[in-house]
Amino acid sequence: MQYKVQYRPTCSLMTFTLQPGEKVFASLDSLVSLEEGIVAQPQILGDWFVALLRYYFGGISPWLQVYHNSTDTARQVVLGCDLPGDILRLDVNKSPFCVNPQNLVAYTSGIRQGTQWLGWSSWLAGEGLLGLKLSGKGRVFLSGVGRLSQQTVHQRFGLEQGHFVAYSAKLKLKLNFPKGLVGSPRAGEGFIHQLLGGGILYFQSSSLTNLIRFLRTKITG
């Protein structure tokens, strides 16, 4: 499978060239265009019970869209992001990754979706009890608000919750609550995630909260 990312880093689009019989799995709202011969079919993630648990306790959509090349020649499908920002490729092999569902654009065959327990502190912070874990062997494509960066965590690293995109599942997640349980809205502070152990972290330079705050100031003056 070939792919190409265009218009980075503000209005990124992904063009997948699918060979006969190849598939790509994408979020429901990521489609921009597809060529004749590409079959689009929604697919539920696992059984209904598990899918509903992940939806209600983690905000993870129970559905994905599968794009399959049913022809005997190469065909293209173009995917985009909900928000202005970058797209990066994450290679998953031996170590699974926890991914923010809002940042997931697509993944290739060989990737399996699972569930990660985030804990009660995550629920208090509005992040839900369950997270999305991707394992297996393949490529995952993630979007972000602004630029996407990679950070190697050796022992401890702190990050504001709105900037999380993905991290190694072997890292332990702990939340700190600055200035009480709700942070300081005036200073723009939110809950701080502490990542403990060793692994890889991906984060976005801005966040949905920051974007909403910026648009609100422009609308209300």
N, C-alpha and C. Protein backbone atom coordinates (compact mmCIF):
# COMPACT_ATOMS: atom_id res chain seq x y z
N MET A 1 0.84 -1.19 0.00
CA MET A 1 0.00 0.00 0.00
C MET A 1 0.88 1.25 0.00
N GLN A 2 0.56 2.19 -0.85
CA GLN A 2 1.28 3.46 -0.90
C GLN A 2 0.40 4.56 -0.34
N TYR A 3 1.05 5.56 0.24
CA TYR A 3 0.29 6.70 0.77
C TYR A 3 1.11 7.97 0.58
N LYS A 4 0.43 9.11 0.59
CA LYS A 4 1.08 10.40 0.44
C LYS A 4 0.33 11.41 1.28
N VAL A 5 1.06 12.19 2.09
CA VAL A 5 0.47 13.25 2.91
C VAL A 5 0.73 14.58 2.22
N GLN A 6 -0.31 15.35 2.02
CA GLN A 6 -0.20 16.65 1.36
C GLN A 6 -0.72 17.77 2.26
N TYR A 7 -0.30 18.99 1.94
CA TYR A 7 -0.79 20.22 2.58
C TYR A 7 -0.48 20.28 4.08
N ARG A 8 0.63 19.69 4.47
CA ARG A 8 1.06 19.77 5.86
C ARG A 8 1.61 21.17 6.14
N PRO A 9 1.55 21.65 7.41
CA PRO A 9 0.96 20.97 8.57
C PRO A 9 -0.41 21.51 8.95
N THR A 10 -1.04 22.35 8.12
CA THR A 10 -2.27 23.00 8.56
C THR A 10 -3.54 22.35 8.04
N CYS A 11 -3.53 21.86 6.80
CA CYS A 11 -4.73 21.28 6.19
C CYS A 11 -4.38 19.93 5.57
N SER A 12 -3.85 19.04 6.36
CA SER A 12 -3.29 17.79 5.85
C SER A 12 -4.35 16.87 5.26
N LEU A 13 -3.99 16.26 4.14
CA LEU A 13 -4.80 15.23 3.50
C LEU A 13 -3.92 14.02 3.23
N MET A 14 -4.53 12.83 3.26
CA MET A 14 -3.81 11.59 2.98
C MET A 14 -4.42 10.90 1.77
N THR A 15 -3.58 10.58 0.80
CA THR A 15 -4.02 9.82 -0.36
C THR A 15 -3.46 8.40 -0.27
N PHE A 16 -4.34 7.42 -0.15
CA PHE A 16 -3.94 6.01 -0.12
C PHE A 16 -4.15 5.42 -1.51
N THR A 17 -3.12 4.76 -2.03
CA THR A 17 -3.24 4.00 -3.27
C THR A 17 -3.35 2.53 -2.91
N LEU A 18 -4.54 2.00 -3.06
CA LEU A 18 -4.81 0.62 -2.67
C LEU A 18 -4.65 -0.30 -3.88
N GLN A 19 -3.84 -1.31 -3.71
CA GLN A 19 -3.71 -2.34 -4.74
C GLN A 19 -4.93 -3.27 -4.68
N PRO A 20 -5.17 -4.05 -5.74
CA PRO A 20 -6.34 -4.95 -5.72
C PRO A 20 -6.40 -5.81 -4.46
N GLY A 21 -7.54 -5.76 -3.77
CA GLY A 21 -7.75 -6.55 -2.57
C GLY A 21 -7.31 -5.88 -1.28
N GLU A 22 -6.59 -4.76 -1.36
CA GLU A 22 -6.11 -4.10 -0.14
C GLU A 22 -7.23 -3.31 0.53
N LYS A 23 -7.07 -3.15 1.85
CA LYS A 23 -8.03 -2.42 2.66
C LYS A 23 -7.33 -1.39 3.53
N VAL A 24 -8.06 -0.33 3.87
CA VAL A 24 -7.61 0.61 4.88
C VAL A 24 -8.80 0.89 5.79
N PHE A 25 -8.56 0.97 7.09
CA PHE A 25 -9.59 1.18 8.10
C PHE A 25 -9.51 2.63 8.58
N ALA A 26 -10.64 3.34 8.56
CA ALA A 26 -10.61 4.77 8.84
C ALA A 26 -11.75 5.17 9.76
N SER A 27 -11.59 6.32 10.43
CA SER A 27 -12.68 6.88 11.22
C SER A 27 -13.81 7.29 10.30
N LEU A 28 -15.02 7.31 10.83
CA LEU A 28 -16.21 7.50 9.99
C LEU A 28 -16.24 8.84 9.27
N ASP A 29 -15.68 9.87 9.88
CA ASP A 29 -15.81 11.21 9.32
C ASP A 29 -14.55 11.70 8.63
N SER A 30 -13.67 10.79 8.22
CA SER A 30 -12.39 11.21 7.63
C SER A 30 -12.39 11.21 6.10
N LEU A 31 -13.43 10.68 5.45
CA LEU A 31 -13.42 10.54 4.00
C LEU A 31 -13.51 11.90 3.31
N VAL A 32 -12.64 12.08 2.30
CA VAL A 32 -12.70 13.25 1.42
C VAL A 32 -13.16 12.83 0.03
N SER A 33 -12.54 11.82 -0.55
CA SER A 33 -12.94 11.35 -1.88
C SER A 33 -12.47 9.92 -2.07
N LEU A 34 -13.07 9.25 -3.05
CA LEU A 34 -12.64 7.90 -3.42
C LEU A 34 -12.92 7.66 -4.90
N GLU A 35 -12.11 6.79 -5.48
CA GLU A 35 -12.28 6.47 -6.89
C GLU A 35 -13.28 5.33 -7.07
N GLU A 36 -13.81 5.24 -8.27
CA GLU A 36 -14.74 4.16 -8.60
C GLU A 36 -14.06 2.81 -8.40
N GLY A 37 -14.76 1.92 -7.76
CA GLY A 37 -14.21 0.60 -7.48
C GLY A 37 -13.80 0.41 -6.03
N ILE A 38 -13.72 1.52 -5.28
CA ILE A 38 -13.45 1.44 -3.85
C ILE A 38 -14.78 1.22 -3.13
N VAL A 39 -14.87 0.14 -2.40
CA VAL A 39 -16.09 -0.19 -1.66
C VAL A 39 -15.95 0.29 -0.22
N ALA A 40 -16.91 1.09 0.24
CA ALA A 40 -16.92 1.60 1.62
C ALA A 40 -17.96 0.83 2.42
N GLN A 41 -17.52 0.29 3.55
CA GLN A 41 -18.43 -0.51 4.38
C GLN A 41 -18.16 -0.25 5.85
N PRO A 42 -19.17 0.15 6.62
CA PRO A 42 -18.98 0.34 8.06
C PRO A 42 -18.76 -0.99 8.76
N GLN A 43 -17.97 -0.96 9.81
CA GLN A 43 -17.66 -2.18 10.55
C GLN A 43 -17.63 -1.88 12.03
N ILE A 44 -18.31 -2.69 12.81
CA ILE A 44 -18.29 -2.52 14.26
C ILE A 44 -17.01 -3.12 14.84
N LEU A 45 -16.51 -2.51 15.88
CA LEU A 45 -15.25 -2.95 16.48
C LEU A 45 -15.53 -3.99 17.55
N GLY A 46 -15.34 -5.27 17.21
CA GLY A 46 -15.59 -6.33 18.17
C GLY A 46 -17.08 -6.59 18.31
N ASP A 47 -17.46 -7.21 19.42
CA ASP A 47 -18.88 -7.47 19.63
C ASP A 47 -19.57 -6.23 20.19
N TRP A 48 -20.89 -6.24 20.15
CA TRP A 48 -21.67 -5.06 20.55
C TRP A 48 -21.44 -4.68 22.00
N PHE A 49 -21.36 -5.67 22.88
CA PHE A 49 -21.23 -5.36 24.30
C PHE A 49 -19.94 -4.60 24.59
N VAL A 50 -18.82 -5.09 24.07
CA VAL A 50 -17.54 -4.42 24.29
C VAL A 50 -17.52 -3.06 23.63
N ALA A 51 -18.10 -2.98 22.42
CA ALA A 51 -18.13 -1.71 21.69
C ALA A 51 -18.92 -0.65 22.46
N LEU A 52 -20.04 -1.05 23.05
CA LEU A 52 -20.85 -0.10 23.82
C LEU A 52 -20.16 0.32 25.11
N LEU A 53 -19.46 -0.62 25.74
CA LEU A 53 -18.71 -0.26 26.94
C LEU A 53 -17.66 0.79 26.63
N ARG A 54 -16.93 0.60 25.53
CA ARG A 54 -15.90 1.57 25.15
C ARG A 54 -16.51 2.92 24.78
N TYR A 55 -17.70 2.89 24.20
CA TYR A 55 -18.35 4.15 23.82
C TYR A 55 -18.80 4.94 25.04
N TYR A 56 -19.47 4.27 25.98
CA TYR A 56 -20.03 4.97 27.14
C TYR A 56 -18.99 5.31 28.20
N PHE A 57 -17.95 4.51 28.32
CA PHE A 57 -16.95 4.76 29.36
C PHE A 57 -15.62 5.29 28.82
N GLY A 58 -15.54 5.47 27.51
CA GLY A 58 -14.31 6.02 26.94
C GLY A 58 -14.51 6.96 25.78
N GLY A 59 -15.76 7.13 25.35
CA GLY A 59 -16.04 8.01 24.23
C GLY A 59 -15.48 7.51 22.90
N ILE A 60 -15.26 6.18 22.79
CA ILE A 60 -14.68 5.59 21.59
C ILE A 60 -15.80 5.11 20.67
N SER A 61 -15.84 5.63 19.45
CA SER A 61 -16.88 5.23 18.51
C SER A 61 -16.85 3.73 18.27
N PRO A 62 -18.01 3.06 18.27
CA PRO A 62 -18.03 1.61 18.03
C PRO A 62 -17.87 1.25 16.55
N TRP A 63 -17.80 2.25 15.68
CA TRP A 63 -17.76 1.98 14.25
C TRP A 63 -16.50 2.50 13.59
N LEU A 64 -16.07 1.81 12.56
CA LEU A 64 -15.04 2.27 11.64
C LEU A 64 -15.56 2.09 10.22
N GLN A 65 -14.94 2.83 9.29
CA GLN A 65 -15.26 2.65 7.88
C GLN A 65 -14.12 1.88 7.21
N VAL A 66 -14.45 0.82 6.49
CA VAL A 66 -13.45 0.01 5.79
C VAL A 66 -13.53 0.33 4.30
N TYR A 67 -12.40 0.71 3.72
CA TYR A 67 -12.33 0.99 2.29
C TYR A 67 -11.54 -0.13 1.62
N HIS A 68 -12.19 -0.80 0.68
CA HIS A 68 -11.63 -2.01 0.06
C HIS A 68 -11.58 -1.82 -1.45
N ASN A 69 -10.42 -2.11 -2.04
CA ASN A 69 -10.29 -2.04 -3.49
C ASN A 69 -10.78 -3.35 -4.09
N SER A 70 -11.95 -3.30 -4.72
CA SER A 70 -12.57 -4.51 -5.27
C SER A 70 -12.25 -4.71 -6.75
N THR A 71 -11.38 -3.86 -7.31
CA THR A 71 -11.05 -3.96 -8.74
C THR A 71 -9.76 -4.75 -8.94
N ASP A 72 -9.31 -4.83 -10.18
CA ASP A 72 -8.05 -5.50 -10.48
C ASP A 72 -6.94 -4.52 -10.82
N THR A 73 -7.16 -3.23 -10.54
CA THR A 73 -6.13 -2.20 -10.72
C THR A 73 -6.08 -1.31 -9.49
N ALA A 74 -5.02 -0.53 -9.36
CA ALA A 74 -4.86 0.35 -8.21
C ALA A 74 -5.93 1.44 -8.20
N ARG A 75 -6.42 1.75 -7.03
CA ARG A 75 -7.44 2.79 -6.85
C ARG A 75 -7.07 3.65 -5.63
N GLN A 76 -7.55 4.89 -5.61
CA GLN A 76 -7.16 5.81 -4.55
C GLN A 76 -8.36 6.23 -3.70
N VAL A 77 -8.07 6.44 -2.41
CA VAL A 77 -9.02 7.01 -1.47
C VAL A 77 -8.30 8.11 -0.70
N VAL A 78 -8.97 9.25 -0.52
CA VAL A 78 -8.36 10.40 0.15
C VAL A 78 -9.07 10.63 1.47
N LEU A 79 -8.27 10.75 2.54
CA LEU A 79 -8.80 10.97 3.89
C LEU A 79 -8.26 12.27 4.45
N GLY A 80 -9.03 12.90 5.32
CA GLY A 80 -8.62 14.16 5.93
C GLY A 80 -8.86 14.19 7.41
N CYS A 81 -8.65 15.35 8.02
CA CYS A 81 -8.79 15.55 9.47
C CYS A 81 -10.02 16.39 9.76
N ASP A 82 -10.56 16.23 10.96
CA ASP A 82 -11.67 17.07 11.40
C ASP A 82 -11.23 18.50 11.62
N LEU A 83 -10.02 18.68 12.14
CA LEU A 83 -9.52 19.98 12.53
C LEU A 83 -8.24 20.30 11.78
N PRO A 84 -7.90 21.59 11.63
CA PRO A 84 -6.66 21.95 10.92
C PRO A 84 -5.44 21.46 11.69
N GLY A 85 -4.57 20.74 10.98
CA GLY A 85 -3.39 20.24 11.66
C GLY A 85 -2.62 19.25 10.82
N ASP A 86 -1.70 18.56 11.47
CA ASP A 86 -0.75 17.67 10.83
C ASP A 86 -1.26 16.23 10.86
N ILE A 87 -0.60 15.37 10.07
CA ILE A 87 -0.82 13.92 10.10
C ILE A 87 0.53 13.24 10.17
N LEU A 88 0.66 12.24 11.03
CA LEU A 88 1.91 11.48 11.08
C LEU A 88 1.61 9.99 11.04
N ARG A 89 2.66 9.22 10.70
CA ARG A 89 2.56 7.77 10.65
C ARG A 89 3.20 7.17 11.89
N LEU A 90 2.48 6.26 12.53
CA LEU A 90 2.99 5.54 13.69
C LEU A 90 3.10 4.07 13.32
N ASP A 91 4.31 3.53 13.41
CA ASP A 91 4.53 2.11 13.11
C ASP A 91 4.35 1.30 14.38
N VAL A 92 3.40 0.38 14.37
CA VAL A 92 3.13 -0.49 15.51
C VAL A 92 3.68 -1.87 15.18
N ASN A 93 4.52 -2.39 16.06
CA ASN A 93 5.09 -3.71 15.83
C ASN A 93 4.95 -4.55 17.08
N LYS A 94 5.96 -4.56 17.92
CA LYS A 94 5.92 -5.39 19.11
C LYS A 94 5.20 -4.71 20.28
N SER A 95 5.33 -3.39 20.38
CA SER A 95 4.77 -2.67 21.52
C SER A 95 3.46 -1.98 21.14
N PRO A 96 2.38 -2.24 21.87
CA PRO A 96 1.11 -1.55 21.59
C PRO A 96 1.16 -0.09 22.02
N PHE A 97 0.25 0.72 21.46
CA PHE A 97 0.15 2.13 21.77
C PHE A 97 -1.26 2.46 22.21
N CYS A 98 -1.37 3.37 23.17
CA CYS A 98 -2.65 3.95 23.53
C CYS A 98 -2.84 5.22 22.70
N VAL A 99 -4.02 5.37 22.10
CA VAL A 99 -4.26 6.44 21.15
C VAL A 99 -5.52 7.21 21.55
N ASN A 100 -5.44 8.53 21.45
CA ASN A 100 -6.64 9.34 21.64
C ASN A 100 -7.57 9.11 20.45
N PRO A 101 -8.80 8.60 20.66
CA PRO A 101 -9.69 8.29 19.53
C PRO A 101 -9.95 9.48 18.63
N GLN A 102 -9.94 10.69 19.17
CA GLN A 102 -10.20 11.88 18.37
C GLN A 102 -9.09 12.15 17.36
N ASN A 103 -7.91 11.57 17.58
CA ASN A 103 -6.77 11.80 16.70
C ASN A 103 -6.55 10.69 15.68
N LEU A 104 -7.36 9.64 15.75
CA LEU A 104 -7.18 8.51 14.85
C LEU A 104 -7.79 8.82 13.48
N VAL A 105 -6.98 8.72 12.42
CA VAL A 105 -7.45 8.91 11.06
C VAL A 105 -7.69 7.56 10.39
N ALA A 106 -6.67 6.69 10.41
CA ALA A 106 -6.79 5.41 9.72
C ALA A 106 -5.69 4.47 10.19
N TYR A 107 -5.85 3.18 9.85
CA TYR A 107 -4.77 2.22 10.05
C TYR A 107 -4.88 1.10 9.02
N THR A 108 -3.81 0.36 8.87
CA THR A 108 -3.74 -0.68 7.85
C THR A 108 -4.12 -2.04 8.44
N SER A 109 -4.27 -3.02 7.57
CA SER A 109 -4.54 -4.38 8.01
C SER A 109 -3.40 -4.87 8.89
N GLY A 110 -3.72 -5.67 9.88
CA GLY A 110 -2.72 -6.16 10.82
C GLY A 110 -2.78 -5.47 12.16
N ILE A 111 -3.48 -4.33 12.22
CA ILE A 111 -3.66 -3.61 13.49
C ILE A 111 -4.92 -4.11 14.19
N ARG A 112 -4.80 -4.35 15.48
CA ARG A 112 -5.94 -4.79 16.28
C ARG A 112 -6.30 -3.71 17.31
N GLN A 113 -7.60 -3.50 17.48
CA GLN A 113 -8.07 -2.54 18.47
C GLN A 113 -8.38 -3.25 19.78
N GLY A 114 -7.94 -2.66 20.87
CA GLY A 114 -8.21 -3.18 22.20
C GLY A 114 -8.59 -2.06 23.15
N THR A 115 -8.69 -2.40 24.42
CA THR A 115 -9.12 -1.44 25.44
C THR A 115 -8.06 -1.32 26.52
N GLN A 116 -7.79 -0.09 26.94
CA GLN A 116 -6.84 0.19 28.01
C GLN A 116 -7.57 0.82 29.18
N TRP A 117 -7.40 0.25 30.37
CA TRP A 117 -7.99 0.84 31.58
C TRP A 117 -7.19 2.08 31.97
N LEU A 118 -7.87 3.23 32.08
CA LEU A 118 -7.20 4.49 32.38
C LEU A 118 -7.25 4.86 33.85
N GLY A 119 -8.25 4.35 34.57
CA GLY A 119 -8.32 4.62 36.00
C GLY A 119 -9.33 5.70 36.35
N TRP A 120 -9.64 5.78 37.64
CA TRP A 120 -10.66 6.72 38.11
C TRP A 120 -10.20 8.16 38.03
N SER A 121 -8.91 8.40 38.16
CA SER A 121 -8.42 9.78 38.05
C SER A 121 -8.65 10.32 36.65
N SER A 122 -8.53 9.47 35.64
CA SER A 122 -8.81 9.88 34.27
C SER A 122 -10.28 10.22 34.10
N TRP A 123 -11.14 9.44 34.74
CA TRP A 123 -12.57 9.73 34.68
C TRP A 123 -12.90 11.07 35.31
N LEU A 124 -12.26 11.38 36.46
CA LEU A 124 -12.47 12.67 37.11
C LEU A 124 -12.02 13.83 36.23
N ALA A 125 -11.02 13.58 35.39
CA ALA A 125 -10.51 14.63 34.51
C ALA A 125 -11.31 14.73 33.22
N GLY A 126 -12.38 13.93 33.08
CA GLY A 126 -13.22 14.00 31.91
C GLY A 126 -12.70 13.20 30.72
N GLU A 127 -11.73 12.31 30.95
CA GLU A 127 -11.13 11.53 29.87
C GLU A 127 -11.73 10.14 29.72
N GLY A 128 -12.60 9.76 30.65
CA GLY A 128 -13.21 8.43 30.56
C GLY A 128 -12.40 7.38 31.29
N LEU A 129 -13.04 6.23 31.49
CA LEU A 129 -12.39 5.13 32.19
C LEU A 129 -11.57 4.24 31.26
N LEU A 130 -11.97 4.19 30.00
CA LEU A 130 -11.35 3.27 29.04
C LEU A 130 -10.70 4.04 27.90
N GLY A 131 -9.54 3.57 27.48
CA GLY A 131 -8.83 4.17 26.37
C GLY A 131 -8.70 3.19 25.22
N LEU A 132 -8.27 3.71 24.08
CA LEU A 132 -8.11 2.90 22.87
C LEU A 132 -6.67 2.42 22.77
N LYS A 133 -6.49 1.10 22.68
CA LYS A 133 -5.16 0.51 22.54
C LYS A 133 -5.05 -0.19 21.20
N LEU A 134 -3.97 0.12 20.46
CA LEU A 134 -3.74 -0.48 19.16
C LEU A 134 -2.50 -1.37 19.24
N SER A 135 -2.65 -2.60 18.77
CA SER A 135 -1.55 -3.54 18.81
C SER A 135 -1.48 -4.28 17.48
N GLY A 136 -0.61 -5.29 17.39
CA GLY A 136 -0.44 -6.03 16.16
C GLY A 136 0.76 -5.51 15.38
N LYS A 137 0.67 -5.57 14.06
CA LYS A 137 1.76 -5.11 13.20
C LYS A 137 1.17 -4.38 12.01
N GLY A 138 1.49 -3.11 11.89
CA GLY A 138 0.98 -2.30 10.79
C GLY A 138 1.26 -0.84 11.02
N ARG A 139 0.58 -0.01 10.25
CA ARG A 139 0.77 1.44 10.33
C ARG A 139 -0.50 2.12 10.78
N VAL A 140 -0.33 3.11 11.65
CA VAL A 140 -1.44 3.90 12.16
C VAL A 140 -1.18 5.35 11.76
N PHE A 141 -2.22 6.04 11.35
CA PHE A 141 -2.09 7.44 10.92
C PHE A 141 -2.92 8.31 11.86
N LEU A 142 -2.24 9.28 12.46
CA LEU A 142 -2.83 10.11 13.49
C LEU A 142 -2.83 11.58 13.06
N SER A 143 -3.86 12.29 13.45
CA SER A 143 -3.93 13.73 13.17
C SER A 143 -3.70 14.49 14.47
N GLY A 144 -3.42 15.78 14.33
CA GLY A 144 -3.21 16.61 15.50
C GLY A 144 -3.56 18.05 15.20
N VAL A 145 -3.89 18.81 16.23
CA VAL A 145 -4.15 20.24 16.08
C VAL A 145 -2.80 20.95 16.11
N GLY A 146 -2.40 21.52 14.98
CA GLY A 146 -1.06 22.10 14.89
C GLY A 146 -0.03 21.04 14.53
N ARG A 147 1.18 21.22 15.00
CA ARG A 147 2.27 20.28 14.74
C ARG A 147 2.20 19.08 15.66
N LEU A 148 2.68 17.94 15.17
CA LEU A 148 2.80 16.73 15.97
C LEU A 148 4.26 16.47 16.27
N SER A 149 4.56 16.13 17.53
CA SER A 149 5.93 15.91 17.95
C SER A 149 6.06 14.60 18.69
N GLN A 150 7.27 14.06 18.68
CA GLN A 150 7.58 12.81 19.39
C GLN A 150 8.52 13.11 20.54
N GLN A 151 8.27 12.46 21.68
CA GLN A 151 9.09 12.64 22.87
C GLN A 151 9.42 11.27 23.46
N THR A 152 10.69 11.04 23.75
CA THR A 152 11.09 9.82 24.44
C THR A 152 11.02 10.05 25.94
N VAL A 153 10.23 9.24 26.63
CA VAL A 153 10.09 9.35 28.08
C VAL A 153 11.01 8.32 28.73
N HIS A 154 11.87 8.78 29.62
CA HIS A 154 12.80 7.88 30.29
C HIS A 154 12.32 7.48 31.69
N GLN A 155 11.88 8.43 32.47
CA GLN A 155 11.38 8.12 33.82
C GLN A 155 10.06 8.82 34.11
N ARG A 156 10.01 10.11 33.85
CA ARG A 156 8.81 10.88 34.17
C ARG A 156 8.68 12.05 33.20
N PHE A 157 7.46 12.28 32.73
CA PHE A 157 7.21 13.40 31.82
C PHE A 157 5.79 13.88 32.03
N GLY A 158 5.59 15.19 32.11
CA GLY A 158 4.27 15.76 32.33
C GLY A 158 3.75 16.44 31.07
N LEU A 159 2.44 16.30 30.83
CA LEU A 159 1.82 16.91 29.66
C LEU A 159 0.38 17.25 29.97
N GLU A 160 -0.03 18.45 29.56
CA GLU A 160 -1.42 18.87 29.75
C GLU A 160 -2.33 17.98 28.91
N GLN A 161 -3.49 17.59 29.47
CA GLN A 161 -4.30 16.52 28.88
C GLN A 161 -4.76 16.81 27.46
N GLY A 162 -4.99 18.05 27.10
CA GLY A 162 -5.49 18.37 25.78
C GLY A 162 -4.49 18.16 24.66
N HIS A 163 -3.22 17.94 25.01
CA HIS A 163 -2.18 17.80 24.00
C HIS A 163 -1.83 16.34 23.71
N PHE A 164 -2.46 15.40 24.41
CA PHE A 164 -2.16 13.99 24.21
C PHE A 164 -2.65 13.50 22.86
N VAL A 165 -1.81 12.71 22.17
CA VAL A 165 -2.19 12.05 20.93
C VAL A 165 -2.04 10.54 21.06
N ALA A 166 -0.85 10.07 21.46
CA ALA A 166 -0.61 8.64 21.62
C ALA A 166 0.61 8.43 22.50
N TYR A 167 0.69 7.24 23.14
CA TYR A 167 1.85 6.91 23.96
C TYR A 167 1.97 5.39 24.08
N SER A 168 3.19 4.94 24.35
CA SER A 168 3.44 3.51 24.52
C SER A 168 2.59 2.96 25.66
N ALA A 169 1.92 1.84 25.42
CA ALA A 169 1.02 1.28 26.42
C ALA A 169 1.75 0.84 27.68
N LYS A 170 3.06 0.61 27.59
CA LYS A 170 3.81 0.20 28.77
C LYS A 170 4.06 1.36 29.73
N LEU A 171 3.86 2.60 29.29
CA LEU A 171 3.97 3.74 30.19
C LEU A 171 2.78 3.77 31.13
N LYS A 172 3.03 4.15 32.37
CA LYS A 172 1.96 4.29 33.35
C LYS A 172 1.49 5.73 33.39
N LEU A 173 0.19 5.89 33.44
CA LEU A 173 -0.42 7.21 33.38
C LEU A 173 -0.96 7.61 34.75
N LYS A 174 -0.57 8.79 35.20
CA LYS A 174 -1.03 9.32 36.48
C LYS A 174 -1.41 10.77 36.28
N LEU A 175 -2.48 11.21 36.95
CA LEU A 175 -2.94 12.58 36.79
C LEU A 175 -2.66 13.41 38.03
N ASN A 176 -2.20 14.62 37.81
CA ASN A 176 -2.07 15.61 38.86
C ASN A 176 -3.13 16.68 38.66
N PHE A 177 -3.58 17.26 39.74
CA PHE A 177 -4.65 18.25 39.67
C PHE A 177 -4.15 19.60 40.18
N PRO A 178 -3.64 20.47 39.29
CA PRO A 178 -3.13 21.76 39.73
C PRO A 178 -4.25 22.69 40.16
N LYS A 179 -4.01 23.43 41.25
CA LYS A 179 -4.95 24.44 41.74
C LYS A 179 -6.34 23.85 41.98
N GLY A 180 -6.38 22.71 42.65
CA GLY A 180 -7.65 22.08 42.95
C GLY A 180 -8.07 21.12 41.85
N LEU A 181 -9.32 20.69 41.90
CA LEU A 181 -9.78 19.65 40.99
C LEU A 181 -10.02 20.15 39.58
N VAL A 182 -10.23 21.46 39.39
CA VAL A 182 -10.61 21.94 38.06
C VAL A 182 -9.53 22.79 37.43
N GLY A 183 -8.36 22.88 38.01
CA GLY A 183 -7.29 23.67 37.40
C GLY A 183 -7.60 25.16 37.50
N SER A 184 -6.95 25.95 36.69
CA SER A 184 -7.14 27.38 36.69
C SER A 184 -7.58 27.85 35.32
N PRO A 185 -8.90 28.00 35.07
CA PRO A 185 -9.37 28.40 33.75
C PRO A 185 -8.81 29.74 33.30
N ARG A 186 -8.56 30.65 34.24
CA ARG A 186 -8.04 31.96 33.88
C ARG A 186 -6.65 31.85 33.30
N ALA A 187 -5.85 30.94 33.85
CA ALA A 187 -4.49 30.76 33.37
C ALA A 187 -4.42 29.76 32.22
N GLY A 188 -5.55 29.12 31.90
CA GLY A 188 -5.56 28.15 30.82
C GLY A 188 -4.97 26.81 31.20
N GLU A 189 -4.90 26.54 32.50
CA GLU A 189 -4.31 25.28 32.94
C GLU A 189 -5.37 24.20 33.03
N GLY A 190 -5.00 23.00 32.68
CA GLY A 190 -5.89 21.86 32.81
C GLY A 190 -5.24 20.79 33.65
N PHE A 191 -5.74 19.58 33.54
CA PHE A 191 -5.16 18.48 34.27
C PHE A 191 -3.84 18.08 33.64
N ILE A 192 -2.88 17.74 34.47
CA ILE A 192 -1.55 17.37 34.01
C ILE A 192 -1.38 15.86 34.11
N HIS A 193 -1.10 15.23 32.98
CA HIS A 193 -0.80 13.80 32.97
C HIS A 193 0.68 13.59 33.25
N GLN A 194 0.97 12.69 34.16
CA GLN A 194 2.34 12.27 34.41
C GLN A 194 2.54 10.89 33.82
N LEU A 195 3.49 10.77 32.89
CA LEU A 195 3.85 9.49 32.29
C LEU A 195 5.07 8.95 33.00
N LEU A 196 4.95 7.73 33.50
CA LEU A 196 6.02 7.13 34.29
C LEU A 196 6.56 5.89 33.59
N GLY A 197 7.87 5.75 33.60
CA GLY A 197 8.51 4.59 32.99
C GLY A 197 9.30 4.98 31.75
N GLY A 198 9.38 4.10 30.79
CA GLY A 198 10.11 4.35 29.56
C GLY A 198 9.27 4.04 28.35
N GLY A 199 9.30 4.93 27.35
CA GLY A 199 8.50 4.70 26.15
C GLY A 199 8.44 5.95 25.29
N ILE A 200 7.55 5.92 24.30
CA ILE A 200 7.41 6.99 23.32
C ILE A 200 6.07 7.70 23.52
N LEU A 201 6.11 9.02 23.40
CA LEU A 201 4.92 9.85 23.51
C LEU A 201 4.80 10.71 22.26
N TYR A 202 3.57 10.85 21.76
CA TYR A 202 3.27 11.76 20.65
C TYR A 202 2.27 12.80 21.16
N PHE A 203 2.55 14.08 20.88
CA PHE A 203 1.65 15.12 21.34
C PHE A 203 1.50 16.21 20.28
N GLN A 204 0.42 16.98 20.41
CA GLN A 204 0.11 18.04 19.46
C GLN A 204 0.44 19.40 20.07
N SER A 205 0.87 20.32 19.21
CA SER A 205 1.33 21.62 19.70
C SER A 205 0.19 22.48 20.22
N SER A 206 -1.03 22.26 19.73
CA SER A 206 -2.19 22.98 20.24
C SER A 206 -3.21 21.94 20.70
N SER A 207 -4.43 22.36 20.94
CA SER A 207 -5.46 21.43 21.40
C SER A 207 -6.82 21.94 20.97
N LEU A 208 -7.82 21.06 21.03
CA LEU A 208 -9.17 21.46 20.69
C LEU A 208 -9.67 22.56 21.63
N THR A 209 -9.32 22.46 22.90
CA THR A 209 -9.73 23.48 23.88
C THR A 209 -9.16 24.84 23.51
N ASN A 210 -7.89 24.87 23.15
CA ASN A 210 -7.27 26.14 22.76
C ASN A 210 -7.90 26.71 21.50
N LEU A 211 -8.23 25.84 20.54
CA LEU A 211 -8.86 26.30 19.31
C LEU A 211 -10.24 26.88 19.59
N ILE A 212 -11.02 26.22 20.44
CA ILE A 212 -12.34 26.73 20.79
C ILE A 212 -12.23 28.07 21.51
N ARG A 213 -11.25 28.17 22.41
CA ARG A 213 -11.04 29.43 23.13
C ARG A 213 -10.69 30.57 22.17
N PHE A 214 -9.84 30.27 21.18
CA PHE A 214 -9.45 31.29 20.20
C PHE A 214 -10.64 31.73 19.37
N LEU A 215 -11.45 30.76 18.88
CA LEU A 215 -12.61 31.10 18.06
C LEU A 215 -13.64 31.89 18.86
N ARG A 216 -13.79 31.55 20.13
CA ARG A 216 -14.75 32.27 20.96
C ARG A 216 -14.38 33.74 21.10
N THR A 217 -13.09 34.03 21.25
CA THR A 217 -12.66 35.42 21.37
C THR A 217 -12.91 36.19 20.07
N LYS A 218 -12.79 35.51 18.93
CA LYS A 218 -13.01 36.17 17.64
C LYS A 218 -14.49 36.42 17.39
N ILE A 219 -15.34 35.49 17.87
CA ILE A 219 -16.77 35.62 17.65
C ILE A 219 -17.38 36.65 18.58
N THR A 220 -16.99 36.59 19.87
CA THR A 220 -17.59 37.48 20.87
C THR A 220 -16.87 38.82 20.95
N GLY A 221 -15.65 38.88 20.38
CA GLY A 221 -14.90 40.13 20.44
C GLY A 221 -14.27 40.33 21.80
